[in-house]
Structure formats: C-alpha cells, structure tokens
Protein backbone atom coordinates (compact mmCIF):
# COMPACT_ATOMS: atom_id res chain seq x y z
CA MET A 1 -20.57 2.98 34.67
CA THR A 2 -22.02 3.72 38.09
CA ASN A 3 -25.73 4.73 38.29
CA PRO A 4 -25.89 7.79 40.77
CA THR A 5 -29.24 6.60 42.14
CA ASN A 6 -28.07 3.00 42.64
CA PRO A 7 -24.22 3.22 43.32
CA THR A 8 -23.99 -0.56 43.85
CA ASN A 9 -25.90 -1.17 40.63
CA ALA A 10 -27.37 -4.22 42.19
CA MET A 11 -30.89 -5.28 41.37
CA PRO A 12 -33.30 -4.96 44.18
CA THR A 13 -34.50 -8.22 45.65
CA ARG A 14 -38.24 -9.35 45.66
CA ASP A 15 -38.36 -8.47 49.34
CA GLN A 16 -36.92 -5.16 49.00
CA LEU A 17 -39.40 -4.36 46.22
CA GLU A 18 -42.36 -5.69 48.44
CA SER A 19 -41.10 -3.30 51.04
CA VAL A 20 -41.23 -0.39 48.76
CA LEU A 21 -44.76 -1.36 47.75
CA LYS A 22 -45.93 -1.91 51.25
CA ALA A 23 -44.43 1.60 52.29
CA ALA A 24 -46.05 3.18 49.19
CA LEU A 25 -49.38 1.73 50.10
CA ASP A 26 -49.15 2.80 53.90
CA LEU A 27 -48.19 6.19 52.63
CA LEU A 28 -51.29 6.41 50.20
CA ALA A 29 -53.57 5.25 52.95
CA ALA A 30 -52.18 7.95 55.48
CA ARG A 31 -52.79 10.54 52.71
CA GLN A 32 -56.30 9.25 52.31
CA ALA A 33 -56.74 9.74 56.09
CA HIS A 34 -55.28 13.41 55.59
CA MET A 35 -52.23 12.56 57.80
CA VAL A 36 -48.82 11.35 57.07
CA THR A 37 -46.61 10.60 60.14
CA ILE A 38 -42.87 10.51 60.42
CA ASP A 39 -43.27 6.74 60.56
CA GLU A 40 -44.76 6.40 57.19
CA TRP A 41 -42.06 8.79 55.75
CA THR A 42 -39.25 6.75 57.47
CA GLY A 43 -40.77 3.54 56.21
CA LEU A 44 -40.85 4.75 52.72
CA ALA A 45 -37.35 6.19 52.90
CA ARG A 46 -35.87 2.97 54.40
CA ALA A 47 -37.65 0.94 51.60
CA VAL A 48 -36.42 3.08 48.66
CA ALA A 49 -32.88 3.34 50.21
CA ALA A 50 -32.52 -0.42 50.52
CA CYS A 51 -33.51 -0.76 46.89
CA GLN A 52 -30.96 1.84 45.84
CA GLY A 53 -28.09 0.73 47.92
CA ARG A 54 -28.33 3.88 49.88
CA LYS A 55 -29.17 5.18 53.34
CA ALA A 56 -32.60 6.41 54.59
CA ILE A 57 -31.10 9.71 55.67
CA GLU A 58 -30.51 10.63 52.18
CA PHE A 59 -34.29 10.69 51.48
CA LEU A 60 -35.28 12.80 54.60
CA ALA A 61 -35.58 16.58 55.02
CA ASP A 62 -33.72 18.18 57.95
CA SER A 63 -37.08 18.68 59.65
CA ASP A 64 -37.69 14.86 59.51
CA LEU A 65 -34.48 14.14 61.00
CA ASP A 66 -34.96 16.50 63.83
CA ALA A 67 -38.39 14.79 64.50
CA ILE A 68 -36.80 11.37 64.35
CA ALA A 69 -33.96 12.59 66.74
CA GLY A 70 -36.55 13.88 69.14
CA ARG A 71 -38.74 10.64 69.15
CA ALA A 72 -38.16 7.45 70.93
CA SER A 73 -40.91 5.93 68.74
CA VAL A 74 -38.91 5.84 65.63
CA ASP A 75 -36.47 2.73 65.80
CA TRP A 76 -33.53 4.34 64.16
CA ASP A 77 -30.31 2.43 63.41
CA ASP A 78 -27.37 4.83 62.56
CA ALA A 79 -25.48 1.88 60.68
CA THR A 80 -28.38 1.04 58.53
CA ASP A 81 -30.34 4.43 58.15
CA GLY A 82 -27.40 6.95 58.40
CA LEU A 83 -25.99 9.13 61.26
CA ILE A 84 -28.28 11.94 62.43
CA GLU A 85 -25.92 14.83 63.51
CA VAL A 86 -27.71 16.56 66.37
CA GLN A 87 -27.07 20.40 66.00
CA ASP A 88 -26.21 22.28 69.31
CA ASP A 89 -27.92 25.66 69.30
C-alpha cells in the first residue's frame, strides 16, 4: 500500500533527516529573529521533500514560487525541486 505522504515508501537516510533538522533549526532561528526568508522556507521544503520522495515545489505556496522565480539568489533546480511555471499576465 502506497503512503500518500511518501509515495516511494523509502525510509529517509540519516543525511536526509539531518537536513530536515538543520532546516528546522534555521527556521526556528529565523522566527526568533522575527524574520523568515524565502531561503529558509525553500531549505525546509527541500529537506522535507527529500525525506518524502517528493519535490520542494509541492510544499511551497504560489507566492513563494513567484518570489523564487524573481530571485537569482535562490538556486532552484527544476529536476530536483520541480518546474516553476511562470504565468504571463
């Protein structure tokens, strides 16, 4: 039976779990400083996605994806993170 939150049913590796912990700690530190950047959100989404056998794009809001698409500072990988579809207005 396939787990919808982990379609591959693979157990996360130690490195993946350590990445989730690091991302969570970074997010908590950012919250304590009263600021959370797109970099912290993306880091957490990537870490959780890796453990779940999913893509980071599945854990981000449309506004996050718009911010990522408009910033060169976020190193986004379409193959790993998911393809951001840019909407023409």
